[in-house]
Each structure stands twice: as structure tokens, then as C-alpha cells.
Amino acid sequence: MQEPMPTGFEVLATMFGLSLPVFIALFVVVSVWTLAVKGYALWHAARDGQRIWFIVLLIANTFGILELAYLLFFRAKRG
């Protein structure tokens, strides 16, 4: 009898040297972090009328790095 083929997550977990539950937990944490920071940055870009930043932030997926750079250095400052 053949062993079942590993799933994508199992292959990735093995590549990173992690167990499947640890890899899935890490994946969920990174996904929630990225979504939260992206949403916050998009909200500010839209509110401040910065269309180019909104489009770039919407398309680029950088695990929150680009979004944090925008929020810290490029966001319009309010009085």
C-alpha cells in the first residue's frame, strides 16, 4: 500500500524544519498580522486621498513591511 502524498502545508513545514501544527500556527499568526497592518495602512491611504499609495499597498504583499514603512514615514501627518 502506498503512503499518501503530503499536502502543501506538510511539504512547507518539512522545508522549514517545523512540525505541521507549529507551521500552521505560525502561518495563521503571520496572515492575521499582514491583514491587520495592510487594512490599517489602506484605511489611512484612502482617508488621506493618497491613491498611488492605496494601489501599491493593495497590490504588494510584503508581510506588512511596506505597510509599516508607509505608516511610519509616508502617511500624511495630522495637526
PDB file of N, CA and C in Angstrom:
ATOM      1  N   MET A   1       0.838  -1.175   0.000  1.00  0.00           N
ATOM      2  CA  MET A   1       0.000   0.000   0.000  1.00  0.00           C
ATOM      3  C   MET A   1       0.892   1.252   0.000  1.00  0.00           C
ATOM      4  N   GLN A   2       0.548   2.222  -0.821  1.00  0.00           N
ATOM      5  CA  GLN A   2       1.333   3.447  -0.917  1.00  0.00           C
ATOM      6  C   GLN A   2       0.982   4.411   0.203  1.00  0.00           C
ATOM      7  N   GLU A   3       1.999   5.171   0.613  1.00  0.00           N
ATOM      8  CA  GLU A   3       1.751   6.221   1.597  1.00  0.00           C
ATOM      9  C   GLU A   3       1.079   7.387   0.895  1.00  0.00           C
ATOM     10  N   PRO A   4       0.185   8.090   1.598  1.00  0.00           N
ATOM     11  CA  PRO A   4      -0.474   9.230   0.958  1.00  0.00           C
ATOM     12  C   PRO A   4       0.528  10.349   0.670  1.00  0.00           C
ATOM     13  N   MET A   5       0.274  11.087  -0.396  1.00  0.00           N
ATOM     14  CA  MET A   5       1.138  12.209  -0.760  1.00  0.00           C
ATOM     15  C   MET A   5       0.990  13.303   0.297  1.00  0.00           C
ATOM     16  N   PRO A   6       2.093  13.930   0.677  1.00  0.00           N
ATOM     17  CA  PRO A   6       1.996  15.011   1.658  1.00  0.00           C
ATOM     18  C   PRO A   6       1.290  16.228   1.044  1.00  0.00           C
ATOM     19  N   THR A   7       0.587  16.965   1.895  1.00  0.00           N
ATOM     20  CA  THR A   7      -0.088  18.176   1.434  1.00  0.00           C
ATOM     21  C   THR A   7       0.923  19.304   1.307  1.00  0.00           C
ATOM     22  N   GLY A   8       0.490  20.415   0.743  1.00  0.00           N
ATOM     23  CA  GLY A   8       1.364  21.571   0.591  1.00  0.00           C
ATOM     24  C   GLY A   8       1.913  22.060   1.914  1.00  0.00           C
ATOM     25  N   PHE A   9       1.045  22.109   2.931  1.00  0.00           N
ATOM     26  CA  PHE A   9       1.493  22.570   4.239  1.00  0.00           C
ATOM     27  C   PHE A   9       2.506  21.608   4.851  1.00  0.00           C
ATOM     28  N   GLU A  10       2.311  20.322   4.652  1.00  0.00           N
ATOM     29  CA  GLU A  10       3.256  19.347   5.186  1.00  0.00           C
ATOM     30  C   GLU A  10       4.619  19.496   4.519  1.00  0.00           C
ATOM     31  N   VAL A  11       4.619  19.726   3.217  1.00  0.00           N
ATOM     32  CA  VAL A  11       5.874  19.913   2.482  1.00  0.00           C
ATOM     33  C   VAL A  11       6.573  21.174   2.974  1.00  0.00           C
ATOM     34  N   LEU A  12       5.833  22.271   3.111  1.00  0.00           N
ATOM     35  CA  LEU A  12       6.427  23.517   3.580  1.00  0.00           C
ATOM     36  C   LEU A  12       6.944  23.394   5.012  1.00  0.00           C
ATOM     37  N   ALA A  13       6.177  22.760   5.871  1.00  0.00           N
ATOM     38  CA  ALA A  13       6.619  22.574   7.257  1.00  0.00           C
ATOM     39  C   ALA A  13       7.924  21.803   7.295  1.00  0.00           C
ATOM     40  N   THR A  14       8.027  20.763   6.486  1.00  0.00           N
ATOM     41  CA  THR A  14       9.251  19.967   6.419  1.00  0.00           C
ATOM     42  C   THR A  14      10.415  20.805   5.898  1.00  0.00           C
ATOM     43  N   MET A  15      10.151  21.645   4.892  1.00  0.00           N
ATOM     44  CA  MET A  15      11.205  22.505   4.339  1.00  0.00           C
ATOM     45  C   MET A  15      11.767  23.450   5.393  1.00  0.00           C
ATOM     46  N   PHE A  16      10.913  23.943   6.270  1.00  0.00           N
ATOM     47  CA  PHE A  16      11.341  24.873   7.312  1.00  0.00           C
ATOM     48  C   PHE A  16      11.765  24.162   8.592  1.00  0.00           C
ATOM     49  N   GLY A  17      11.682  22.855   8.610  1.00  0.00           N
ATOM     50  CA  GLY A  17      12.106  22.092   9.772  1.00  0.00           C
ATOM     51  C   GLY A  17      11.158  22.221  10.954  1.00  0.00           C
ATOM     52  N   LEU A  18       9.877  22.427  10.676  1.00  0.00           N
ATOM     53  CA  LEU A  18       8.871  22.598  11.729  1.00  0.00           C
ATOM     54  C   LEU A  18       7.864  21.468  11.678  1.00  0.00           C
ATOM     55  N   SER A  19       7.217  21.227  12.806  1.00  0.00           N
ATOM     56  CA  SER A  19       6.115  20.273  12.800  1.00  0.00           C
ATOM     57  C   SER A  19       4.911  20.948  12.143  1.00  0.00           C
ATOM     58  N   LEU A  20       3.983  20.155  11.666  1.00  0.00           N
ATOM     59  CA  LEU A  20       2.819  20.705  10.976  1.00  0.00           C
ATOM     60  C   LEU A  20       1.999  21.640  11.862  1.00  0.00           C
ATOM     61  N   PRO A  21       1.686  21.286  13.119  1.00  0.00           N
ATOM     62  CA  PRO A  21       0.909  22.218  13.952  1.00  0.00           C
ATOM     63  C   PRO A  21       1.625  23.547  14.201  1.00  0.00           C
ATOM     64  N   VAL A  22       2.944  23.509  14.404  1.00  0.00           N
ATOM     65  CA  VAL A  22       3.704  24.746  14.627  1.00  0.00           C
ATOM     66  C   VAL A  22       3.691  25.590  13.357  1.00  0.00           C
ATOM     67  N   PHE A  23       3.878  24.955  12.210  1.00  0.00           N
ATOM     68  CA  PHE A  23       3.875  25.683  10.947  1.00  0.00           C
ATOM     69  C   PHE A  23       2.516  26.333  10.694  1.00  0.00           C
ATOM     70  N   ILE A  24       1.442  25.612  10.939  1.00  0.00           N
ATOM     71  CA  ILE A  24       0.101  26.169  10.721  1.00  0.00           C
ATOM     72  C   ILE A  24      -0.155  27.337  11.672  1.00  0.00           C
ATOM     73  N   ALA A  25       0.250  27.208  12.924  1.00  0.00           N
ATOM     74  CA  ALA A  25       0.076  28.300  13.889  1.00  0.00           C
ATOM     75  C   ALA A  25       0.863  29.533  13.435  1.00  0.00           C
ATOM     76  N   LEU A  26       2.093  29.332  13.001  1.00  0.00           N
ATOM     77  CA  LEU A  26       2.912  30.443  12.515  1.00  0.00           C
ATOM     78  C   LEU A  26       2.281  31.075  11.276  1.00  0.00           C
ATOM     79  N   PHE A  27       1.769  30.254  10.394  1.00  0.00           N
ATOM     80  CA  PHE A  27       1.101  30.743   9.178  1.00  0.00           C
ATOM     81  C   PHE A  27      -0.109  31.600   9.533  1.00  0.00           C
ATOM     82  N   VAL A  28      -0.904  31.170  10.499  1.00  0.00           N
ATOM     83  CA  VAL A  28      -2.078  31.934  10.921  1.00  0.00           C
ATOM     84  C   VAL A  28      -1.670  33.268  11.538  1.00  0.00           C
ATOM     85  N   VAL A  29      -0.661  33.257  12.399  1.00  0.00           N
ATOM     86  CA  VAL A  29      -0.199  34.495  13.041  1.00  0.00           C
ATOM     87  C   VAL A  29       0.300  35.488  11.994  1.00  0.00           C
ATOM     88  N   VAL A  30       1.113  35.026  11.051  1.00  0.00           N
ATOM     89  CA  VAL A  30       1.642  35.907  10.007  1.00  0.00           C
ATOM     90  C   VAL A  30       0.510  36.426   9.118  1.00  0.00           C
ATOM     91  N   SER A  31      -0.457  35.592   8.812  1.00  0.00           N
ATOM     92  CA  SER A  31      -1.590  36.012   7.981  1.00  0.00           C
ATOM     93  C   SER A  31      -2.427  37.079   8.677  1.00  0.00           C
ATOM     94  N   VAL A  32      -2.713  36.887   9.956  1.00  0.00           N
ATOM     95  CA  VAL A  32      -3.501  37.871  10.709  1.00  0.00           C
ATOM     96  C   VAL A  32      -2.727  39.182  10.824  1.00  0.00           C
ATOM     97  N   TRP A  33      -1.424  39.102  11.115  1.00  0.00           N
ATOM     98  CA  TRP A  33      -0.578  40.299  11.200  1.00  0.00           C
ATOM     99  C   TRP A  33      -0.616  41.075   9.881  1.00  0.00           C
ATOM    100  N   THR A  34      -0.416  40.369   8.759  1.00  0.00           N
ATOM    101  CA  THR A  34      -0.388  41.010   7.447  1.00  0.00           C
ATOM    102  C   THR A  34      -1.721  41.670   7.141  1.00  0.00           C
ATOM    103  N   LEU A  35      -2.813  40.979   7.407  1.00  0.00           N
ATOM    104  CA  LEU A  35      -4.138  41.538   7.144  1.00  0.00           C
ATOM    105  C   LEU A  35      -4.405  42.772   7.992  1.00  0.00           C
ATOM    106  N   ALA A  36      -4.033  42.735   9.257  1.00  0.00           N
ATOM    107  CA  ALA A  36      -4.276  43.876  10.149  1.00  0.00           C
ATOM    108  C   ALA A  36      -3.470  45.099   9.724  1.00  0.00           C
ATOM    109  N   VAL A  37      -2.188  44.916   9.446  1.00  0.00           N
ATOM    110  CA  VAL A  37      -1.344  46.054   9.069  1.00  0.00           C
ATOM    111  C   VAL A  37      -1.751  46.583   7.697  1.00  0.00           C
ATOM    112  N   LYS A  38      -2.062  45.692   6.762  1.00  0.00           N
ATOM    113  CA  LYS A  38      -2.497  46.113   5.430  1.00  0.00           C
ATOM    114  C   LYS A  38      -3.792  46.898   5.523  1.00  0.00           C
ATOM    115  N   GLY A  39      -4.741  46.425   6.301  1.00  0.00           N
ATOM    116  CA  GLY A  39      -6.010  47.131   6.459  1.00  0.00           C
ATOM    117  C   GLY A  39      -5.832  48.511   7.060  1.00  0.00           C
ATOM    118  N   TYR A  40      -4.986  48.617   8.060  1.00  0.00           N
ATOM    119  CA  TYR A  40      -4.738  49.898   8.716  1.00  0.00           C
ATOM    120  C   TYR A  40      -4.071  50.881   7.755  1.00  0.00           C
ATOM    121  N   ALA A  41      -3.074  50.409   6.999  1.00  0.00           N
ATOM    122  CA  ALA A  41      -2.382  51.268   6.040  1.00  0.00           C
ATOM    123  C   ALA A  41      -3.317  51.680   4.901  1.00  0.00           C
ATOM    124  N   LEU A  42      -4.111  50.753   4.400  1.00  0.00           N
ATOM    125  CA  LEU A  42      -5.066  51.089   3.334  1.00  0.00           C
ATOM    126  C   LEU A  42      -6.082  52.110   3.818  1.00  0.00           C
ATOM    127  N   TRP A  43      -6.530  51.972   5.034  1.00  0.00           N
ATOM    128  CA  TRP A  43      -7.501  52.908   5.594  1.00  0.00           C
ATOM    129  C   TRP A  43      -6.911  54.318   5.638  1.00  0.00           C
ATOM    130  N   HIS A  44      -5.670  54.429   6.101  1.00  0.00           N
ATOM    131  CA  HIS A  44      -5.032  55.748   6.156  1.00  0.00           C
ATOM    132  C   HIS A  44      -4.807  56.317   4.757  1.00  0.00           C
ATOM    133  N   ALA A  45      -4.348  55.500   3.826  1.00  0.00           N
ATOM    134  CA  ALA A  45      -4.100  55.979   2.463  1.00  0.00           C
ATOM    135  C   ALA A  45      -5.401  56.462   1.821  1.00  0.00           C
ATOM    136  N   ALA A  46      -6.480  55.731   2.030  1.00  0.00           N
ATOM    137  CA  ALA A  46      -7.766  56.139   1.456  1.00  0.00           C
ATOM    138  C   ALA A  46      -8.279  57.413   2.121  1.00  0.00           C
ATOM    139  N   ARG A  47      -8.182  57.492   3.425  1.00  0.00           N
ATOM    140  CA  ARG A  47      -8.668  58.655   4.160  1.00  0.00           C
ATOM    141  C   ARG A  47      -7.893  59.913   3.789  1.00  0.00           C
ATOM    142  N   ASP A  48      -6.604  59.754   3.507  1.00  0.00           N
ATOM    143  CA  ASP A  48      -5.765  60.901   3.172  1.00  0.00           C
ATOM    144  C   ASP A  48      -5.725  61.191   1.673  1.00  0.00           C
ATOM    145  N   GLY A  49      -6.481  60.448   0.883  1.00  0.00           N
ATOM    146  CA  GLY A  49      -6.548  60.692  -0.552  1.00  0.00           C
ATOM    147  C   GLY A  49      -5.271  60.352  -1.301  1.00  0.00           C
ATOM    148  N   GLN A  50      -4.481  59.429  -0.786  1.00  0.00           N
ATOM    149  CA  GLN A  50      -3.227  59.037  -1.426  1.00  0.00           C
ATOM    150  C   GLN A  50      -3.470  57.813  -2.309  1.00  0.00           C
ATOM    151  N   ARG A  51      -3.975  58.050  -3.528  1.00  0.00           N
ATOM    152  CA  ARG A  51      -4.379  56.963  -4.424  1.00  0.00           C
ATOM    153  C   ARG A  51      -3.224  56.046  -4.810  1.00  0.00           C
ATOM    154  N   ILE A  52      -2.069  56.633  -5.117  1.00  0.00           N
ATOM    155  CA  ILE A  52      -0.929  55.808  -5.540  1.00  0.00           C
ATOM    156  C   ILE A  52      -0.532  54.850  -4.416  1.00  0.00           C
ATOM    157  N   TRP A  53      -0.423  55.371  -3.195  1.00  0.00           N
ATOM    158  CA  TRP A  53      -0.096  54.509  -2.062  1.00  0.00           C
ATOM    159  C   TRP A  53      -1.164  53.440  -1.862  1.00  0.00           C
ATOM    160  N   PHE A  54      -2.420  53.811  -2.009  1.00  0.00           N
ATOM    161  CA  PHE A  54      -3.503  52.837  -1.843  1.00  0.00           C
ATOM    162  C   PHE A  54      -3.336  51.689  -2.835  1.00  0.00           C
ATOM    163  N   ILE A  55      -3.079  52.012  -4.092  1.00  0.00           N
ATOM    164  CA  ILE A  55      -2.935  50.984  -5.128  1.00  0.00           C
ATOM    165  C   ILE A  55      -1.717  50.105  -4.853  1.00  0.00           C
ATOM    166  N   VAL A  56      -0.594  50.742  -4.520  1.00  0.00           N
ATOM    167  CA  VAL A  56       0.622  49.968  -4.240  1.00  0.00           C
ATOM    168  C   VAL A  56       0.414  49.044  -3.042  1.00  0.00           C
ATOM    169  N   LEU A  57      -0.169  49.576  -1.987  1.00  0.00           N
ATOM    170  CA  LEU A  57      -0.401  48.763  -0.785  1.00  0.00           C
ATOM    171  C   LEU A  57      -1.402  47.641  -1.040  1.00  0.00           C
ATOM    172  N   LEU A  58      -2.371  47.893  -1.894  1.00  0.00           N
ATOM    173  CA  LEU A  58      -3.376  46.886  -2.204  1.00  0.00           C
ATOM    174  C   LEU A  58      -2.772  45.723  -2.991  1.00  0.00           C
ATOM    175  N   ILE A  59      -1.865  46.046  -3.903  1.00  0.00           N
ATOM    176  CA  ILE A  59      -1.310  45.024  -4.791  1.00  0.00           C
ATOM    177  C   ILE A  59      -0.122  44.295  -4.159  1.00  0.00           C
ATOM    178  N   ALA A  60       0.770  45.041  -3.513  1.00  0.00           N
ATOM    179  CA  ALA A  60       2.003  44.448  -2.975  1.00  0.00           C
ATOM    180  C   ALA A  60       1.717  43.628  -1.722  1.00  0.00           C
ATOM    181  N   ASN A  61       2.352  42.474  -1.637  1.00  0.00           N
ATOM    182  CA  ASN A  61       2.217  41.628  -0.452  1.00  0.00           C
ATOM    183  C   ASN A  61       3.609  41.445   0.140  1.00  0.00           C
ATOM    184  N   THR A  62       3.896  42.184   1.212  1.00  0.00           N
ATOM    185  CA  THR A  62       5.248  42.199   1.783  1.00  0.00           C
ATOM    186  C   THR A  62       5.253  41.806   3.259  1.00  0.00           C
ATOM    187  N   PHE A  63       4.251  41.090   3.719  1.00  0.00           N
ATOM    188  CA  PHE A  63       4.147  40.670   5.121  1.00  0.00           C
ATOM    189  C   PHE A  63       4.156  41.854   6.075  1.00  0.00           C
ATOM    190  N   GLY A  64       3.618  42.987   5.607  1.00  0.00           N
ATOM    191  CA  GLY A  64       3.480  44.148   6.468  1.00  0.00           C
ATOM    192  C   GLY A  64       4.653  45.102   6.443  1.00  0.00           C
ATOM    193  N   ILE A  65       5.740  44.760   5.750  1.00  0.00           N
ATOM    194  CA  ILE A  65       6.918  45.627   5.749  1.00  0.00           C
ATOM    195  C   ILE A  65       6.634  46.932   5.018  1.00  0.00           C
ATOM    196  N   LEU A  66       6.097  46.866   3.807  1.00  0.00           N
ATOM    197  CA  LEU A  66       5.776  48.074   3.050  1.00  0.00           C
ATOM    198  C   LEU A  66       4.708  48.891   3.769  1.00  0.00           C
ATOM    199  N   GLU A  67       3.731  48.221   4.347  1.00  0.00           N
ATOM    200  CA  GLU A  67       2.666  48.908   5.060  1.00  0.00           C
ATOM    201  C   GLU A  67       3.211  49.667   6.267  1.00  0.00           C
ATOM    202  N   LEU A  68       4.123  49.038   7.009  1.00  0.00           N
ATOM    203  CA  LEU A  68       4.729  49.720   8.158  1.00  0.00           C
ATOM    204  C   LEU A  68       5.569  50.917   7.713  1.00  0.00           C
ATOM    205  N   ALA A  69       6.299  50.772   6.609  1.00  0.00           N
ATOM    206  CA  ALA A  69       7.087  51.892   6.094  1.00  0.00           C
ATOM    207  C   ALA A  69       6.165  53.056   5.750  1.00  0.00           C
ATOM    208  N   TYR A  70       5.041  52.756   5.111  1.00  0.00           N
ATOM    209  CA  TYR A  70       4.085  53.812   4.787  1.00  0.00           C
ATOM    210  C   TYR A  70       3.564  54.482   6.055  1.00  0.00           C
ATOM    211  N   LEU A  71       3.128  53.672   7.005  1.00  0.00           N
ATOM    212  CA  LEU A  71       2.544  54.230   8.231  1.00  0.00           C
ATOM    213  C   LEU A  71       3.561  55.052   9.021  1.00  0.00           C
ATOM    214  N   LEU A  72       4.800  54.642   9.039  1.00  0.00           N
ATOM    215  CA  LEU A  72       5.806  55.330   9.841  1.00  0.00           C
ATOM    216  C   LEU A  72       6.417  56.545   9.141  1.00  0.00           C
ATOM    217  N   PHE A  73       6.581  56.488   7.808  1.00  0.00           N
ATOM    218  CA  PHE A  73       7.351  57.529   7.130  1.00  0.00           C
ATOM    219  C   PHE A  73       6.589  58.336   6.078  1.00  0.00           C
ATOM    220  N   PHE A  74       5.532  57.795   5.473  1.00  0.00           N
ATOM    221  CA  PHE A  74       4.906  58.451   4.336  1.00  0.00           C
ATOM    222  C   PHE A  74       3.468  58.883   4.567  1.00  0.00           C
ATOM    223  N   ARG A  75       2.883  58.489   5.655  1.00  0.00           N
ATOM    224  CA  ARG A  75       1.492  58.834   5.945  1.00  0.00           C
ATOM    225  C   ARG A  75       1.384  60.337   6.174  1.00  0.00           C
ATOM    226  N   ALA A  76       0.299  60.920   5.710  1.00  0.00           N
ATOM    227  CA  ALA A  76       0.083  62.357   5.929  1.00  0.00           C
ATOM    228  C   ALA A  76      -0.074  62.621   7.420  1.00  0.00           C
ATOM    229  N   LYS A  77       0.677  63.580   7.904  1.00  0.00           N
ATOM    230  CA  LYS A  77       0.629  63.922   9.327  1.00  0.00           C
ATOM    231  C   LYS A  77      -0.546  64.853   9.594  1.00  0.00           C
ATOM    232  N   ARG A  78      -1.265  64.596  10.648  1.00  0.00           N
ATOM    233  CA  ARG A  78      -2.416  65.431  11.027  1.00  0.00           C
ATOM    234  C   ARG A  78      -2.014  66.352  12.164  1.00  0.00           C
ATOM    235  N   GLY A  79      -2.523  67.597  12.116  1.00  0.00           N
ATOM    236  CA  GLY A  79      -2.214  68.664  13.058  1.00  0.00           C
ATOM    237  C   GLY A  79      -2.340  68.292  14.475  1.00  0.00           C
TER     238      GLY A  79
END
